Every structure is written in C-alpha cells, then in structure tokens.
C-alpha cells in the first residue's frame, strides 16, 4: 500500500465517524474565535515568567512565526505541490465519499495544512521560551485536537497535517533563534545601560 493510499484510508476512517453532535463540536474546534481565551491565558503566562518587555518581544515573535508558517503553506508550498483536498469535487476521486459539514470545502489545495502549521508553530515556539513540560503537553494535545478536526471535516489528509506541523516547527525555531541572537541581547544591554545611568 502506498503512502497516498494509506492517507486516503486514514482520512475516510476519521471522516466516517460523523454524527450531528460531532459535526458541531469539530466545526467549533476548527474555528479560531473559540481559542481566544487560550491565547489570552498564554499571554498571561508569558507575562508572569518573562516580564512585560520580553513578553512584548515574544508576542511580536508569535505574530511573525504565524505569518511565516501561514504564508509558506498557503502561498508557497500549496502552489508547488498542488495536492487536492479530500473534499475537492473537481480534482479528487474520493471526494464523493467525504462527509462535509456546513457545505465547507475550503480552498482547492490542502498540502501543507495551515491550521497544523500555525498550531504546531505556537506549541514549538512557546516550548522553546517557557520550557514547561505540562504546558507543552497540554498545547500538543490542543494541536492534535485541531488537526483531528481538520480530518474530520474532510478538508485535510494526515499527510497535509504532518507537512504543516513540520513547516510550523521550522518557522518557530527560526524566529526563536533570531530573537535570542539579535533582539534579546540588545534589550538586555539597554536595560543595563538604563540601570547604570540611574
């Protein structure tokens, strides 16, 4: 069995477990607004551990990480690989077998997944900053749940999600390394100069 055939089987197995209550739940989980309280909590945790100056830098880094991972997937790699989404009626022969929710089929191509990239990027980035095992575990579970919802909704294969996670983690490592090397030393130096002047 090829990887693509396995991807089809996994997708149809997950997508085939549909029920009205699960449709509503997975639609909600796949949305972005429902996670705003989580994002505010993460900002608070950052503030408590890092102080407000460093937190502002890290939050700007989060915005950059998400921008890089999102745009790399949507406007970069998808145009290279052109892999149809499972639910793409025009290009994918398994599309008639895929259960869709609220007539949602999203865009034409799905590899790599921007949802997976963005959530994995956030998990990886915050792990590098905070180094708290319990938080990383909880966020990894959140990322897995979001990814599962994308398969359930029939808009991404497992391969799309794994590819997106790789893009997200690489984006997070890149931005974290740049901030650690170039931004934080300048911030620390300016703080020392200010304290010395006082």
Protein backbone atom coordinates (compact mmCIF):
# COMPACT_ATOMS: atom_id res chain seq x y z
CA UNK A 1 0.00 0.00 0.00
CA UNK A 2 1.41 3.41 -0.97
CA UNK A 3 1.54 6.41 1.35
CA UNK A 4 -1.19 8.16 -0.64
CA UNK A 5 -3.47 5.12 -0.39
CA UNK A 6 -2.84 4.98 3.36
CA UNK A 7 -3.64 8.68 3.60
CA UNK A 8 -6.96 8.04 1.84
CA UNK A 9 -7.82 5.20 4.24
CA UNK A 10 -6.99 7.22 7.37
CA UNK A 11 -8.95 10.21 6.11
CA UNK A 12 -12.05 8.17 5.28
CA UNK A 13 -11.86 6.35 8.63
CA UNK A 14 -11.73 9.59 10.64
CA UNK A 15 -14.21 11.41 8.43
CA UNK A 16 -16.56 8.43 8.50
CA UNK A 17 -17.10 8.73 12.26
CA UNK A 18 -19.50 11.61 11.80
CA UNK A 19 -22.57 12.40 13.89
CA UNK A 20 -24.61 15.61 14.27
CA UNK A 21 -23.12 16.42 17.69
CA UNK A 22 -19.60 15.69 16.44
CA UNK A 23 -20.16 17.89 13.38
CA UNK A 24 -20.94 20.82 15.67
CA UNK A 25 -18.03 20.06 18.01
CA UNK A 26 -15.43 19.65 15.27
CA UNK A 27 -16.67 22.72 13.42
CA UNK A 28 -16.22 24.73 16.64
CA UNK A 29 -12.79 23.27 17.40
CA UNK A 30 -11.60 24.04 13.87
CA UNK A 31 -12.61 27.69 14.25
CA UNK A 32 -10.30 30.38 15.56
CA UNK A 33 -12.50 32.58 17.77
CA UNK A 34 -13.20 29.79 20.29
CA UNK A 35 -9.50 29.71 21.21
CA UNK A 36 -9.17 33.41 22.13
CA UNK A 37 -9.34 32.66 25.90
CA UNK A 38 -6.46 30.21 25.45
CA UNK A 39 -4.38 32.84 23.66
CA UNK A 40 -5.03 35.36 26.44
CA UNK A 41 -4.03 32.78 29.05
CA UNK A 42 -0.79 32.07 27.19
CA UNK A 43 0.00 35.79 27.04
CA UNK A 44 -0.58 35.99 30.81
CA UNK A 45 1.76 33.04 31.44
CA UNK A 46 4.41 34.71 29.29
CA UNK A 47 3.99 37.96 31.19
CA UNK A 48 4.35 36.26 34.56
CA UNK A 49 7.54 34.46 33.58
CA UNK A 50 9.23 36.92 31.22
CA UNK A 51 8.20 40.41 32.32
CA UNK A 52 6.45 42.92 30.12
CA UNK A 53 9.42 43.98 27.94
CA UNK A 54 10.42 40.48 26.95
CA UNK A 55 6.76 39.47 26.61
CA UNK A 56 6.22 42.19 24.02
CA UNK A 57 9.19 40.84 22.07
CA UNK A 58 7.94 37.26 22.33
CA UNK A 59 4.41 38.28 21.28
CA UNK A 60 5.79 40.08 18.24
CA UNK A 61 7.69 36.87 17.54
CA UNK A 62 4.47 34.87 17.71
CA UNK A 63 2.91 37.15 15.11
CA UNK A 64 5.97 36.67 12.88
CA UNK A 65 6.00 32.89 13.37
CA UNK A 66 2.33 32.59 12.43
CA UNK A 67 2.80 34.89 9.44
CA UNK A 68 5.74 32.84 8.13
CA UNK A 69 4.12 29.44 8.68
CA UNK A 70 0.75 30.51 7.30
CA UNK A 71 2.06 32.20 4.18
CA UNK A 72 4.61 29.46 3.49
CA UNK A 73 1.77 26.95 3.40
CA UNK A 74 -0.92 28.94 1.60
CA UNK A 75 1.04 30.99 -0.93
CA UNK A 76 4.19 28.90 -1.16
CA UNK A 77 4.11 25.13 -0.84
CA UNK A 78 0.49 24.58 -1.87
CA UNK A 79 1.22 26.17 -5.23
CA UNK A 80 4.21 23.85 -5.64
CA UNK A 81 2.61 20.54 -4.63
CA UNK A 82 -0.97 21.22 -5.82
CA UNK A 83 -2.39 18.35 -3.76
CA UNK A 84 -6.21 18.44 -3.87
CA UNK A 85 -8.13 18.46 -0.63
CA UNK A 86 -10.03 15.25 0.14
CA UNK A 87 -13.34 17.05 -0.36
CA UNK A 88 -12.33 18.72 -3.64
CA UNK A 89 -15.03 17.54 -6.04
CA UNK A 90 -13.25 18.85 -9.12
CA UNK A 91 -9.90 17.14 -8.59
CA UNK A 92 -10.21 14.28 -6.12
CA UNK A 93 -11.91 10.95 -6.94
CA UNK A 94 -12.61 10.17 -3.27
CA UNK A 95 -14.45 13.48 -2.75
CA UNK A 96 -17.97 11.96 -3.17
CA UNK A 97 -17.18 9.65 -0.23
CA UNK A 98 -16.19 12.53 2.06
CA UNK A 99 -18.70 13.86 4.57
CA UNK A 100 -18.62 17.67 4.63
CA UNK A 101 -20.00 19.93 7.36
CA UNK A 102 -21.93 23.12 6.59
CA UNK A 103 -21.01 22.70 2.89
CA UNK A 104 -17.44 23.70 3.85
CA UNK A 105 -14.81 22.60 1.32
CA UNK A 106 -12.26 25.40 1.80
CA UNK A 107 -9.72 26.08 -0.98
CA UNK A 108 -8.60 23.85 -3.82
CA UNK A 109 -5.32 22.54 -2.39
CA UNK A 110 -4.52 21.30 1.10
CA UNK A 111 -0.84 20.36 1.39
CA UNK A 112 0.51 21.51 3.75
CA UNK A 113 -2.17 22.42 6.28
CA UNK A 114 -2.00 26.00 7.55
CA UNK A 115 -4.04 25.06 10.65
CA UNK A 116 -1.48 22.40 11.54
CA UNK A 117 1.41 24.74 10.74
CA UNK A 118 0.09 27.57 12.89
CA UNK A 119 -0.85 25.47 15.90
CA UNK A 120 2.39 23.46 15.79
CA UNK A 121 4.35 26.69 15.42
CA UNK A 122 2.75 28.11 18.55
CA UNK A 123 3.39 24.92 20.54
CA UNK A 124 7.03 24.72 19.47
CA UNK A 125 7.70 28.43 19.97
CA UNK A 126 6.20 28.54 23.47
CA UNK A 127 8.04 25.35 24.42
CA UNK A 128 11.34 26.98 23.46
CA UNK A 129 10.53 30.05 25.55
CA UNK A 130 8.82 28.66 28.64
CA UNK A 131 10.27 25.13 28.92
CA UNK A 132 7.32 23.86 30.96
CA UNK A 133 6.56 20.22 30.30
CA UNK A 134 2.94 20.38 31.48
CA UNK A 135 2.22 23.36 29.23
CA UNK A 136 3.91 21.80 26.21
CA UNK A 137 1.93 18.58 26.75
CA UNK A 138 -1.36 20.47 27.05
CA UNK A 139 -0.64 22.56 23.95
CA UNK A 140 0.44 19.49 21.96
CA UNK A 141 -2.92 17.89 22.84
CA UNK A 142 -4.69 21.06 21.68
CA UNK A 143 -2.72 20.98 18.41
CA UNK A 144 -3.62 17.32 17.87
CA UNK A 145 -7.30 18.07 18.51
CA UNK A 146 -7.32 20.90 15.98
CA UNK A 147 -5.58 18.66 13.44
CA UNK A 148 -8.07 15.85 14.07
CA UNK A 149 -10.93 18.30 13.45
CA UNK A 150 -9.47 19.15 10.04
CA UNK A 151 -9.51 15.47 9.02
CA UNK A 152 -12.97 15.02 10.48
CA UNK A 153 -14.23 17.94 8.39
CA UNK A 154 -12.71 16.31 5.30
CA UNK A 155 -10.50 19.25 4.34
CA UNK A 156 -7.08 17.73 5.10
CA UNK A 157 -5.26 14.43 4.90
CA UNK A 158 -2.97 13.21 7.66
CA UNK A 159 -0.05 13.93 5.31
CA UNK A 160 -1.21 17.54 4.95
CA UNK A 161 -1.22 17.89 8.72
CA UNK A 162 2.21 16.34 9.21
CA UNK A 163 3.64 18.57 6.49
CA UNK A 164 2.08 21.61 8.10
CA UNK A 165 3.46 20.67 11.52
CA UNK A 166 6.98 20.48 10.07
CA UNK A 167 6.60 23.92 8.47
CA UNK A 168 5.28 25.34 11.76
CA UNK A 169 8.07 23.90 13.89
CA UNK A 170 10.77 25.10 11.48
CA UNK A 171 9.23 28.59 11.47
CA UNK A 172 9.17 28.62 15.29
CA UNK A 173 12.79 27.52 15.63
CA UNK A 174 13.92 30.12 13.08
CA UNK A 175 12.13 33.06 14.72
CA UNK A 176 13.12 31.96 18.25
CA UNK A 177 16.80 31.71 17.23
CA UNK A 178 16.73 35.16 15.59
CA UNK A 179 15.14 36.77 18.65
CA UNK A 180 17.56 35.07 21.05
CA UNK A 181 20.58 36.08 18.97
CA UNK A 182 19.71 39.60 17.82
CA UNK A 183 16.81 41.10 19.80
CA UNK A 184 17.11 39.96 23.42
CA UNK A 185 20.82 40.86 23.79
CA UNK A 186 20.03 44.43 22.70
CA UNK A 187 17.08 44.57 25.09
CA UNK A 188 19.26 43.32 27.95
CA UNK A 189 22.00 45.78 27.07
CA UNK A 190 19.57 48.71 27.02
CA UNK A 191 18.23 47.65 30.43
CA UNK A 192 21.76 47.51 31.87
CA UNK A 193 22.60 50.95 30.43
CA UNK A 194 19.39 52.37 31.90
CA UNK A 195 20.09 50.90 35.34
CA UNK A 196 23.69 52.16 35.26
CA UNK A 197 22.50 55.67 34.33
CA UNK A 198 20.13 55.68 37.29
